[in-house]
Amino acid sequence: MASKSRMGGGSGLTNPRKEALLLYREILKTAKAFTWKHPSGVSWGQVLKESARKEFEQARWEKDPETIARMLLNGRHSLMIIQEKFWEKQRSLETQWTKEHNKRSDSW
């Protein structure tokens, strides 16, 4: 039988450090999809990665559990909104491309 420490302590609560790392990794994965350029000439993905890194570094030494939970919740929520908007735009562009492609095919 595994010890409680290996099973997460048995409290049912997630480890804030683990949750932060999971969130950070998901942000990095999401940022890879943003390939177009920022006005500075750098990809938006790189801008997002640098912004996330900066925010995580600023929050690194936070000790208050409520503040940490709030930051993680806000981070997850923001990431979810960004992902939803990205996929909505992706679908919109695909639909537009399909319509234009079908128009061209019909005119041949």
PDB file of N, CA and C in Angstrom:
ATOM      1  N   MET A   1       0.841  -1.185   0.000  1.00  0.00           N
ATOM      2  CA  MET A   1       0.000   0.000   0.000  1.00  0.00           C
ATOM      3  C   MET A   1       0.883   1.245   0.000  1.00  0.00           C
ATOM      4  N   ALA A   2       0.547   2.235  -0.810  1.00  0.00           N
ATOM      5  CA  ALA A   2       1.338   3.455  -0.918  1.00  0.00           C
ATOM      6  C   ALA A   2       1.123   4.329   0.307  1.00  0.00           C
ATOM      7  N   SER A   3       2.164   5.065   0.675  1.00  0.00           N
ATOM      8  CA  SER A   3       2.043   5.965   1.819  1.00  0.00           C
ATOM      9  C   SER A   3       1.192   7.171   1.441  1.00  0.00           C
ATOM     10  N   LYS A   4       0.670   7.858   2.454  1.00  0.00           N
ATOM     11  CA  LYS A   4      -0.152   9.043   2.198  1.00  0.00           C
ATOM     12  C   LYS A   4       0.617  10.112   1.452  1.00  0.00           C
ATOM     13  N   SER A   5       1.903  10.287   1.764  1.00  0.00           N
ATOM     14  CA  SER A   5       2.668  11.349   1.109  1.00  0.00           C
ATOM     15  C   SER A   5       2.805  11.092  -0.382  1.00  0.00           C
ATOM     16  N   ARG A   6       2.917   9.839  -0.789  1.00  0.00           N
ATOM     17  CA  ARG A   6       3.028   9.530  -2.211  1.00  0.00           C
ATOM     18  C   ARG A   6       1.690   9.646  -2.910  1.00  0.00           C
ATOM     19  N   MET A   7       0.617   9.583  -2.172  1.00  0.00           N
ATOM     20  CA  MET A   7      -0.713   9.653  -2.766  1.00  0.00           C
ATOM     21  C   MET A   7      -1.283  11.062  -2.699  1.00  0.00           C
ATOM     22  N   GLY A   8      -0.515  12.024  -2.268  1.00  0.00           N
ATOM     23  CA  GLY A   8      -1.007  13.397  -2.234  1.00  0.00           C
ATOM     24  C   GLY A   8      -1.529  13.816  -0.884  1.00  0.00           C
ATOM     25  N   GLY A   9      -1.249  13.011   0.165  1.00  0.00           N
ATOM     26  CA  GLY A   9      -1.632  13.420   1.510  1.00  0.00           C
ATOM     27  C   GLY A   9      -3.038  13.019   1.887  1.00  0.00           C
ATOM     28  N   GLY A  10      -3.834  12.555   0.959  1.00  0.00           N
ATOM     29  CA  GLY A  10      -5.166  12.079   1.260  1.00  0.00           C
ATOM     30  C   GLY A  10      -6.175  13.170   1.570  1.00  0.00           C
ATOM     31  N   SER A  11      -5.800  14.446   1.447  1.00  0.00           N
ATOM     32  CA  SER A  11      -6.726  15.517   1.812  1.00  0.00           C
ATOM     33  C   SER A  11      -7.706  15.856   0.698  1.00  0.00           C
ATOM     34  N   GLY A  12      -7.414  15.419  -0.524  1.00  0.00           N
ATOM     35  CA  GLY A  12      -8.285  15.742  -1.641  1.00  0.00           C
ATOM     36  C   GLY A  12      -7.948  17.078  -2.277  1.00  0.00           C
ATOM     37  N   LEU A  13      -7.104  17.879  -1.632  1.00  0.00           N
ATOM     38  CA  LEU A  13      -6.720  19.174  -2.177  1.00  0.00           C
ATOM     39  C   LEU A  13      -5.489  18.998  -3.056  1.00  0.00           C
ATOM     40  N   THR A  14      -5.395  19.805  -4.085  1.00  0.00           N
ATOM     41  CA  THR A  14      -4.231  19.716  -4.953  1.00  0.00           C
ATOM     42  C   THR A  14      -3.079  20.496  -4.348  1.00  0.00           C
ATOM     43  N   ASN A  15      -1.901  20.107  -4.696  1.00  0.00           N
ATOM     44  CA  ASN A  15      -0.700  20.790  -4.262  1.00  0.00           C
ATOM     45  C   ASN A  15      -0.571  22.062  -5.101  1.00  0.00           C
ATOM     46  N   PRO A  16      -0.516  23.234  -4.462  1.00  0.00           N
ATOM     47  CA  PRO A  16      -0.451  24.492  -5.229  1.00  0.00           C
ATOM     48  C   PRO A  16       0.748  24.548  -6.167  1.00  0.00           C
ATOM     49  N   ARG A  17       1.878  24.014  -5.767  1.00  0.00           N
ATOM     50  CA  ARG A  17       3.067  24.012  -6.621  1.00  0.00           C
ATOM     51  C   ARG A  17       2.825  23.181  -7.873  1.00  0.00           C
ATOM     52  N   LYS A  18       2.241  21.982  -7.678  1.00  0.00           N
ATOM     53  CA  LYS A  18       1.922  21.127  -8.827  1.00  0.00           C
ATOM     54  C   LYS A  18       0.921  21.809  -9.749  1.00  0.00           C
ATOM     55  N   GLU A  19      -0.097  22.409  -9.151  1.00  0.00           N
ATOM     56  CA  GLU A  19      -1.131  23.093  -9.932  1.00  0.00           C
ATOM     57  C   GLU A  19      -0.524  24.241 -10.732  1.00  0.00           C
ATOM     58  N   ALA A  20       0.394  24.985 -10.106  1.00  0.00           N
ATOM     59  CA  ALA A  20       1.060  26.096 -10.796  1.00  0.00           C
ATOM     60  C   ALA A  20       1.900  25.570 -11.966  1.00  0.00           C
ATOM     61  N   LEU A  21       2.605  24.475 -11.749  1.00  0.00           N
ATOM     62  CA  LEU A  21       3.424  23.902 -12.826  1.00  0.00           C
ATOM     63  C   LEU A  21       2.558  23.396 -13.976  1.00  0.00           C
ATOM     64  N   LEU A  22       1.442  22.763 -13.641  1.00  0.00           N
ATOM     65  CA  LEU A  22       0.521  22.296 -14.684  1.00  0.00           C
ATOM     66  C   LEU A  22      -0.031  23.474 -15.488  1.00  0.00           C
ATOM     67  N   LEU A  23      -0.405  24.528 -14.780  1.00  0.00           N
ATOM     68  CA  LEU A  23      -0.925  25.722 -15.447  1.00  0.00           C
ATOM     69  C   LEU A  23       0.142  26.337 -16.343  1.00  0.00           C
ATOM     70  N   TYR A  24       1.356  26.457 -15.836  1.00  0.00           N
ATOM     71  CA  TYR A  24       2.453  27.045 -16.610  1.00  0.00           C
ATOM     72  C   TYR A  24       2.724  26.220 -17.873  1.00  0.00           C
ATOM     73  N   ARG A  25       2.757  24.904 -17.725  1.00  0.00           N
ATOM     74  CA  ARG A  25       2.984  24.036 -18.894  1.00  0.00           C
ATOM     75  C   ARG A  25       1.875  24.193 -19.930  1.00  0.00           C
ATOM     76  N   GLU A  26       0.640  24.292 -19.458  1.00  0.00           N
ATOM     77  CA  GLU A  26      -0.469  24.453 -20.394  1.00  0.00           C
ATOM     78  C   GLU A  26      -0.400  25.806 -21.100  1.00  0.00           C
ATOM     79  N   ILE A  27       0.026  26.831 -20.381  1.00  0.00           N
ATOM     80  CA  ILE A  27       0.207  28.149 -21.004  1.00  0.00           C
ATOM     81  C   ILE A  27       1.261  28.049 -22.103  1.00  0.00           C
ATOM     82  N   LEU A  28       2.373  27.373 -21.817  1.00  0.00           N
ATOM     83  CA  LEU A  28       3.437  27.227 -22.812  1.00  0.00           C
ATOM     84  C   LEU A  28       2.947  26.455 -24.042  1.00  0.00           C
ATOM     85  N   LYS A  29       2.170  25.401 -23.821  1.00  0.00           N
ATOM     86  CA  LYS A  29       1.611  24.640 -24.951  1.00  0.00           C
ATOM     87  C   LYS A  29       0.676  25.506 -25.787  1.00  0.00           C
ATOM     88  N   THR A  30      -0.156  26.269 -25.108  1.00  0.00           N
ATOM     89  CA  THR A  30      -1.100  27.141 -25.807  1.00  0.00           C
ATOM     90  C   THR A  30      -0.358  28.217 -26.580  1.00  0.00           C
ATOM     91  N   ALA A  31       0.690  28.763 -25.989  1.00  0.00           N
ATOM     92  CA  ALA A  31       1.453  29.838 -26.628  1.00  0.00           C
ATOM     93  C   ALA A  31       2.067  29.382 -27.956  1.00  0.00           C
ATOM     94  N   LYS A  32       2.373  28.097 -28.077  1.00  0.00           N
ATOM     95  CA  LYS A  32       2.955  27.579 -29.324  1.00  0.00           C
ATOM     96  C   LYS A  32       2.034  27.800 -30.523  1.00  0.00           C
ATOM     97  N   ALA A  33       0.742  27.864 -30.272  1.00  0.00           N
ATOM     98  CA  ALA A  33      -0.228  28.031 -31.357  1.00  0.00           C
ATOM     99  C   ALA A  33      -0.244  29.456 -31.905  1.00  0.00           C
ATOM    100  N   PHE A  34       0.288  30.410 -31.146  1.00  0.00           N
ATOM    101  CA  PHE A  34       0.277  31.813 -31.553  1.00  0.00           C
ATOM    102  C   PHE A  34       1.547  32.120 -32.345  1.00  0.00           C
ATOM    103  N   THR A  35       1.494  31.869 -33.640  1.00  0.00           N
ATOM    104  CA  THR A  35       2.698  31.973 -34.474  1.00  0.00           C
ATOM    105  C   THR A  35       2.838  33.314 -35.180  1.00  0.00           C
ATOM    106  N   TRP A  36       1.750  34.085 -35.258  1.00  0.00           N
ATOM    107  CA  TRP A  36       1.849  35.361 -35.976  1.00  0.00           C
ATOM    108  C   TRP A  36       2.627  36.369 -35.139  1.00  0.00           C
ATOM    109  N   LYS A  37       3.064  37.440 -35.808  1.00  0.00           N
ATOM    110  CA  LYS A  37       3.986  38.391 -35.195  1.00  0.00           C
ATOM    111  C   LYS A  37       3.288  39.503 -34.405  1.00  0.00           C
ATOM    112  N   HIS A  38       3.889  39.848 -33.308  1.00  0.00           N
ATOM    113  CA  HIS A  38       3.543  41.002 -32.485  1.00  0.00           C
ATOM    114  C   HIS A  38       4.128  42.224 -33.202  1.00  0.00           C
ATOM    115  N   PRO A  39       3.590  43.424 -33.005  1.00  0.00           N
ATOM    116  CA  PRO A  39       4.166  44.605 -33.669  1.00  0.00           C
ATOM    117  C   PRO A  39       5.677  44.780 -33.451  1.00  0.00           C
ATOM    118  N   SER A  40       6.195  44.201 -32.372  1.00  0.00           N
ATOM    119  CA  SER A  40       7.635  44.300 -32.104  1.00  0.00           C
ATOM    120  C   SER A  40       8.453  43.391 -33.019  1.00  0.00           C
ATOM    121  N   GLY A  41       7.768  42.509 -33.763  1.00  0.00           N
ATOM    122  CA  GLY A  41       8.461  41.592 -34.664  1.00  0.00           C
ATOM    123  C   GLY A  41       8.653  40.193 -34.092  1.00  0.00           C
ATOM    124  N   VAL A  42       8.392  40.037 -32.809  1.00  0.00           N
ATOM    125  CA  VAL A  42       8.505  38.734 -32.148  1.00  0.00           C
ATOM    126  C   VAL A  42       7.150  38.041 -32.255  1.00  0.00           C
ATOM    127  N   SER A  43       7.142  36.714 -32.245  1.00  0.00           N
ATOM    128  CA  SER A  43       5.859  36.010 -32.323  1.00  0.00           C
ATOM    129  C   SER A  43       5.036  36.263 -31.060  1.00  0.00           C
ATOM    130  N   TRP A  44       3.717  36.248 -31.216  1.00  0.00           N
ATOM    131  CA  TRP A  44       2.827  36.426 -30.069  1.00  0.00           C
ATOM    132  C   TRP A  44       3.053  35.310 -29.058  1.00  0.00           C
ATOM    133  N   GLY A  45       3.382  34.121 -29.546  1.00  0.00           N
ATOM    134  CA  GLY A  45       3.666  33.010 -28.641  1.00  0.00           C
ATOM    135  C   GLY A  45       4.802  33.337 -27.700  1.00  0.00           C
ATOM    136  N   GLN A  46       5.858  33.947 -28.239  1.00  0.00           N
ATOM    137  CA  GLN A  46       7.003  34.331 -27.407  1.00  0.00           C
ATOM    138  C   GLN A  46       6.608  35.413 -26.413  1.00  0.00           C
ATOM    139  N   VAL A  47       5.795  36.364 -26.862  1.00  0.00           N
ATOM    140  CA  VAL A  47       5.319  37.427 -25.968  1.00  0.00           C
ATOM    141  C   VAL A  47       4.515  36.808 -24.820  1.00  0.00           C
ATOM    142  N   LEU A  48       3.641  35.863 -25.139  1.00  0.00           N
ATOM    143  CA  LEU A  48       2.829  35.203 -24.111  1.00  0.00           C
ATOM    144  C   LEU A  48       3.706  34.415 -23.145  1.00  0.00           C
ATOM    145  N   LYS A  49       4.695  33.701 -23.659  1.00  0.00           N
ATOM    146  CA  LYS A  49       5.603  32.932 -22.799  1.00  0.00           C
ATOM    147  C   LYS A  49       6.344  33.850 -21.833  1.00  0.00           C
ATOM    148  N   GLU A  50       6.863  34.951 -22.356  1.00  0.00           N
ATOM    149  CA  GLU A  50       7.618  35.883 -21.507  1.00  0.00           C
ATOM    150  C   GLU A  50       6.717  36.522 -20.449  1.00  0.00           C
ATOM    151  N   SER A  51       5.496  36.846 -20.839  1.00  0.00           N
ATOM    152  CA  SER A  51       4.548  37.435 -19.902  1.00  0.00           C
ATOM    153  C   SER A  51       4.197  36.446 -18.785  1.00  0.00           C
ATOM    154  N   ALA A  52       3.948  35.197 -19.174  1.00  0.00           N
ATOM    155  CA  ALA A  52       3.625  34.169 -18.178  1.00  0.00           C
ATOM    156  C   ALA A  52       4.802  33.959 -17.235  1.00  0.00           C
ATOM    157  N   ARG A  53       5.995  33.873 -17.778  1.00  0.00           N
ATOM    158  CA  ARG A  53       7.190  33.675 -16.955  1.00  0.00           C
ATOM    159  C   ARG A  53       7.327  34.804 -15.926  1.00  0.00           C
ATOM    160  N   LYS A  54       7.125  36.032 -16.382  1.00  0.00           N
ATOM    161  CA  LYS A  54       7.239  37.197 -15.511  1.00  0.00           C
ATOM    162  C   LYS A  54       6.211  37.121 -14.369  1.00  0.00           C
ATOM    163  N   GLU A  55       4.968  36.784 -14.717  1.00  0.00           N
ATOM    164  CA  GLU A  55       3.922  36.704 -13.694  1.00  0.00           C
ATOM    165  C   GLU A  55       4.186  35.584 -12.695  1.00  0.00           C
ATOM    166  N   PHE A  56       4.640  34.434 -13.194  1.00  0.00           N
ATOM    167  CA  PHE A  56       4.932  33.327 -12.292  1.00  0.00           C
ATOM    168  C   PHE A  56       6.113  33.660 -11.379  1.00  0.00           C
ATOM    169  N   GLU A  57       7.111  34.332 -11.919  1.00  0.00           N
ATOM    170  CA  GLU A  57       8.271  34.729 -11.103  1.00  0.00           C
ATOM    171  C   GLU A  57       7.845  35.720 -10.023  1.00  0.00           C
ATOM    172  N   GLN A  58       6.962  36.665 -10.358  1.00  0.00           N
ATOM    173  CA  GLN A  58       6.498  37.644  -9.370  1.00  0.00           C
ATOM    174  C   GLN A  58       5.723  36.979  -8.236  1.00  0.00           C
ATOM    175  N   ALA A  59       5.026  35.897  -8.551  1.00  0.00           N
ATOM    176  CA  ALA A  59       4.197  35.214  -7.556  1.00  0.00           C
ATOM    177  C   ALA A  59       4.935  34.074  -6.852  1.00  0.00           C
ATOM    178  N   ARG A  60       6.159  33.854  -7.230  1.00  0.00           N
ATOM    179  CA  ARG A  60       6.919  32.691  -6.753  1.00  0.00           C
ATOM    180  C   ARG A  60       6.977  32.555  -5.236  1.00  0.00           C
ATOM    181  N   TRP A  61       7.122  33.638  -4.519  1.00  0.00           N
ATOM    182  CA  TRP A  61       7.325  33.565  -3.069  1.00  0.00           C
ATOM    183  C   TRP A  61       6.054  33.862  -2.270  1.00  0.00           C
ATOM    184  N   GLU A  62       4.929  33.892  -2.939  1.00  0.00           N
ATOM    185  CA  GLU A  62       3.657  34.125  -2.232  1.00  0.00           C
ATOM    186  C   GLU A  62       3.399  32.955  -1.275  1.00  0.00           C
ATOM    187  N   LYS A  63       2.996  33.262  -0.046  1.00  0.00           N
ATOM    188  CA  LYS A  63       2.764  32.230   0.972  1.00  0.00           C
ATOM    189  C   LYS A  63       1.296  32.074   1.364  1.00  0.00           C
ATOM    190  N   ASP A  64       0.507  33.120   1.150  1.00  0.00           N
ATOM    191  CA  ASP A  64      -0.891  33.080   1.583  1.00  0.00           C
ATOM    192  C   ASP A  64      -1.691  32.108   0.717  1.00  0.00           C
ATOM    193  N   PRO A  65      -2.234  31.041   1.310  1.00  0.00           N
ATOM    194  CA  PRO A  65      -2.966  30.033   0.534  1.00  0.00           C
ATOM    195  C   PRO A  65      -4.159  30.592  -0.248  1.00  0.00           C
ATOM    196  N   GLU A  66      -4.856  31.568   0.331  1.00  0.00           N
ATOM    197  CA  GLU A  66      -6.005  32.157  -0.368  1.00  0.00           C
ATOM    198  C   GLU A  66      -5.549  32.954  -1.592  1.00  0.00           C
ATOM    199  N   THR A  67      -4.474  33.694  -1.435  1.00  0.00           N
ATOM    200  CA  THR A  67      -3.938  34.472  -2.549  1.00  0.00           C
ATOM    201  C   THR A  67      -3.451  33.540  -3.652  1.00  0.00           C
ATOM    202  N   ILE A  68      -2.768  32.476  -3.268  1.00  0.00           N
ATOM    203  CA  ILE A  68      -2.273  31.499  -4.241  1.00  0.00           C
ATOM    204  C   ILE A  68      -3.443  30.862  -4.982  1.00  0.00           C
ATOM    205  N   ALA A  69      -4.465  30.455  -4.237  1.00  0.00           N
ATOM    206  CA  ALA A  69      -5.638  29.835  -4.858  1.00  0.00           C
ATOM    207  C   ALA A  69      -6.313  30.799  -5.823  1.00  0.00           C
ATOM    208  N   ARG A  70      -6.413  32.063  -5.428  1.00  0.00           N
ATOM    209  CA  ARG A  70      -7.038  33.073  -6.286  1.00  0.00           C
ATOM    210  C   ARG A  70      -6.213  33.283  -7.559  1.00  0.00           C
ATOM    211  N   MET A  71      -4.891  33.348  -7.418  1.00  0.00           N
ATOM    212  CA  MET A  71      -4.036  33.531  -8.594  1.00  0.00           C
ATOM    213  C   MET A  71      -4.151  32.338  -9.545  1.00  0.00           C
ATOM    214  N   LEU A  72      -4.167  31.122  -8.987  1.00  0.00           N
ATOM    215  CA  LEU A  72      -4.300  29.934  -9.836  1.00  0.00           C
ATOM    216  C   LEU A  72      -5.655  29.911 -10.541  1.00  0.00           C
ATOM    217  N   LEU A  73      -6.701  30.256  -9.814  1.00  0.00           N
ATOM    218  CA  LEU A  73      -8.038  30.294 -10.394  1.00  0.00           C
ATOM    219  C   LEU A  73      -8.119  31.332 -11.508  1.00  0.00           C
ATOM    220  N   ASN A  74      -7.588  32.520 -11.256  1.00  0.00           N
ATOM    221  CA  ASN A  74      -7.578  33.571 -12.282  1.00  0.00           C
ATOM    222  C   ASN A  74      -6.745  33.159 -13.492  1.00  0.00           C
ATOM    223  N   GLY A  75      -5.613  32.525 -13.250  1.00  0.00           N
ATOM    224  CA  GLY A  75      -4.767  32.056 -14.347  1.00  0.00           C
ATOM    225  C   GLY A  75      -5.464  31.020 -15.201  1.00  0.00           C
ATOM    226  N   ARG A  76      -6.107  30.045 -14.553  1.00  0.00           N
ATOM    227  CA  ARG A  76      -6.856  29.006 -15.287  1.00  0.00           C
ATOM    228  C   ARG A  76      -7.983  29.631 -16.099  1.00  0.00           C
ATOM    229  N   HIS A  77      -8.704  30.560 -15.464  1.00  0.00           N
ATOM    230  CA  HIS A  77      -9.826  31.208 -16.140  1.00  0.00           C
ATOM    231  C   HIS A  77      -9.339  31.999 -17.358  1.00  0.00           C
ATOM    232  N   SER A  78      -8.279  32.749 -17.192  1.00  0.00           N
ATOM    233  CA  SER A  78      -7.724  33.539 -18.303  1.00  0.00           C
ATOM    234  C   SER A  78      -7.254  32.638 -19.433  1.00  0.00           C
ATOM    235  N   LEU A  79      -6.587  31.548 -19.083  1.00  0.00           N
ATOM    236  CA  LEU A  79      -6.121  30.610 -20.099  1.00  0.00           C
ATOM    237  C   LEU A  79      -7.304  30.007 -20.854  1.00  0.00           C
ATOM    238  N   MET A  80      -8.343  29.647 -20.129  1.00  0.00           N
ATOM    239  CA  MET A  80      -9.527  29.069 -20.757  1.00  0.00           C
ATOM    240  C   MET A  80     -10.150  30.056 -21.751  1.00  0.00           C
ATOM    241  N   ILE A  81     -10.245  31.328 -21.369  1.00  0.00           N
ATOM    242  CA  ILE A  81     -10.812  32.344 -22.259  1.00  0.00           C
ATOM    243  C   ILE A  81      -9.951  32.491 -23.512  1.00  0.00           C
ATOM    244  N   ILE A  82      -8.637  32.559 -23.331  1.00  0.00           N
ATOM    245  CA  ILE A  82      -7.724  32.686 -24.472  1.00  0.00           C
ATOM    246  C   ILE A  82      -7.873  31.487 -25.409  1.00  0.00           C
ATOM    247  N   GLN A  83      -7.914  30.288 -24.838  1.00  0.00           N
ATOM    248  CA  GLN A  83      -8.056  29.086 -25.663  1.00  0.00           C
ATOM    249  C   GLN A  83      -9.378  29.092 -26.424  1.00  0.00           C
ATOM    250  N   GLU A  84     -10.457  29.449 -25.744  1.00  0.00           N
ATOM    251  CA  GLU A  84     -11.765  29.482 -26.405  1.00  0.00           C
ATOM    252  C   GLU A  84     -11.777  30.482 -27.553  1.00  0.00           C
ATOM    253  N   LYS A  85     -11.251  31.668 -27.317  1.00  0.00           N
ATOM    254  CA  LYS A  85     -11.224  32.688 -28.378  1.00  0.00           C
ATOM    255  C   LYS A  85     -10.341  32.245 -29.534  1.00  0.00           C
ATOM    256  N   PHE A  86      -9.230  31.625 -29.215  1.00  0.00           N
ATOM    257  CA  PHE A  86      -8.340  31.135 -30.264  1.00  0.00           C
ATOM    258  C   PHE A  86      -9.058  30.102 -31.134  1.00  0.00           C
ATOM    259  N   TRP A  87      -9.712  29.133 -30.495  1.00  0.00           N
ATOM    260  CA  TRP A  87     -10.381  28.077 -31.273  1.00  0.00           C
ATOM    261  C   TRP A  87     -11.581  28.610 -32.032  1.00  0.00           C
ATOM    262  N   GLU A  88     -12.299  29.582 -31.473  1.00  0.00           N
ATOM    263  CA  GLU A  88     -13.402  30.216 -32.204  1.00  0.00           C
ATOM    264  C   GLU A  88     -12.877  30.884 -33.471  1.00  0.00           C
ATOM    265  N   LYS A  89     -11.781  31.612 -33.338  1.00  0.00           N
ATOM    266  CA  LYS A  89     -11.190  32.281 -34.501  1.00  0.00           C
ATOM    267  C   LYS A  89     -10.683  31.253 -35.509  1.00  0.00           C
ATOM    268  N   GLN A  90     -10.072  30.204 -35.017  1.00  0.00           N
ATOM    269  CA  GLN A  90      -9.574  29.132 -35.888  1.00  0.00           C
ATOM    270  C   GLN A  90     -10.730  28.542 -36.705  1.00  0.00           C
ATOM    271  N   ARG A  91     -11.837  28.227 -36.034  1.00  0.00           N
ATOM    272  CA  ARG A  91     -13.005  27.670 -36.735  1.00  0.00           C
ATOM    273  C   ARG A  91     -13.559  28.671 -37.745  1.00  0.00           C
ATOM    274  N   SER A  92     -13.610  29.932 -37.359  1.00  0.00           N
ATOM    275  CA  SER A  92     -14.110  30.976 -38.252  1.00  0.00           C
ATOM    276  C   SER A  92     -13.253  31.068 -39.513  1.00  0.00           C
ATOM    277  N   LEU A  93     -11.953  31.050 -39.333  1.00  0.00           N
ATOM    278  CA  LEU A  93     -11.051  31.121 -40.491  1.00  0.00           C
ATOM    279  C   LEU A  93     -11.173  29.882 -41.373  1.00  0.00           C
ATOM    280  N   GLU A  94     -11.323  28.718 -40.754  1.00  0.00           N
ATOM    281  CA  GLU A  94     -11.491  27.489 -41.531  1.00  0.00           C
ATOM    282  C   GLU A  94     -12.785  27.525 -42.335  1.00  0.00           C
ATOM    283  N   THR A  95     -13.858  28.007 -41.723  1.00  0.00           N
ATOM    284  CA  THR A  95     -15.146  28.124 -42.423  1.00  0.00           C
ATOM    285  C   THR A  95     -15.023  29.092 -43.585  1.00  0.00           C
ATOM    286  N   GLN A  96     -14.387  30.234 -43.345  1.00  0.00           N
ATOM    287  CA  GLN A  96     -14.185  31.227 -44.393  1.00  0.00           C
ATOM    288  C   GLN A  96     -13.349  30.641 -45.527  1.00  0.00           C
ATOM    289  N   TRP A  97     -12.289  29.948 -45.190  1.00  0.00           N
ATOM    290  CA  TRP A  97     -11.421  29.344 -46.204  1.00  0.00           C
ATOM    291  C   TRP A  97     -12.191  28.317 -47.025  1.00  0.00           C
ATOM    292  N   THR A  98     -13.002  27.495 -46.347  1.00  0.00           N
ATOM    293  CA  THR A  98     -13.784  26.469 -47.035  1.00  0.00           C
ATOM    294  C   THR A  98     -14.773  27.100 -48.007  1.00  0.00           C
ATOM    295  N   LYS A  99     -15.452  28.174 -47.574  1.00  0.00           N
ATOM    296  CA  LYS A  99     -16.399  28.857 -48.449  1.00  0.00           C
ATOM    297  C   LYS A  99     -15.697  29.411 -49.682  1.00  0.00           C
ATOM    298  N   GLU A 100     -14.553  30.068 -49.472  1.00  0.00           N
ATOM    299  CA  GLU A 100     -13.807  30.639 -50.597  1.00  0.00           C
ATOM    300  C   GLU A 100     -13.284  29.543 -51.519  1.00  0.00           C
ATOM    301  N   HIS A 101     -12.823  28.464 -50.939  1.00  0.00           N
ATOM    302  CA  HIS A 101     -12.310  27.341 -51.729  1.00  0.00           C
ATOM    303  C   HIS A 101     -13.432  26.713 -52.562  1.00  0.00           C
ATOM    304  N   ASN A 102     -14.606  26.564 -51.944  1.00  0.00           N
ATOM    305  CA  ASN A 102     -15.756  26.000 -52.675  1.00  0.00           C
ATOM    306  C   ASN A 102     -16.216  26.919 -53.807  1.00  0.00           C
ATOM    307  N   LYS A 103     -16.165  28.245 -53.570  1.00  0.00           N
ATOM    308  CA  LYS A 103     -16.528  29.204 -54.631  1.00  0.00           C
ATOM    309  C   LYS A 103     -15.619  29.027 -55.828  1.00  0.00           C
ATOM    310  N   ARG A 104     -14.316  28.943 -55.552  1.00  0.00           N
ATOM    311  CA  ARG A 104     -13.346  28.796 -56.633  1.00  0.00           C
ATOM    312  C   ARG A 104     -13.552  27.482 -57.375  1.00  0.00           C
ATOM    313  N   SER A 105     -13.835  26.419 -56.645  1.00  0.00           N
ATOM    314  CA  SER A 105     -14.040  25.105 -57.277  1.00  0.00           C
ATOM    315  C   SER A 105     -15.290  25.105 -58.139  1.00  0.00           C
ATOM    316  N   ASP A 106     -16.337  25.809 -57.671  1.00  0.00           N
ATOM    317  CA  ASP A 106     -17.591  25.863 -58.426  1.00  0.00           C
ATOM    318  C   ASP A 106     -17.446  26.665 -59.711  1.00  0.00           C
ATOM    319  N   SER A 107     -16.536  27.625 -59.716  1.00  0.00           N
ATOM    320  CA  SER A 107     -16.404  28.487 -60.894  1.00  0.00           C
ATOM    321  C   SER A 107     -15.568  27.825 -62.010  1.00  0.00           C
ATOM    322  N   TRP A 108     -14.995  26.687 -61.750  1.00  0.00           N
ATOM    323  CA  TRP A 108     -14.192  26.010 -62.781  1.00  0.00           C
ATOM    324  C   TRP A 108     -15.047  25.278 -63.673  1.00  0.00           C
TER     325      TRP A 108
END
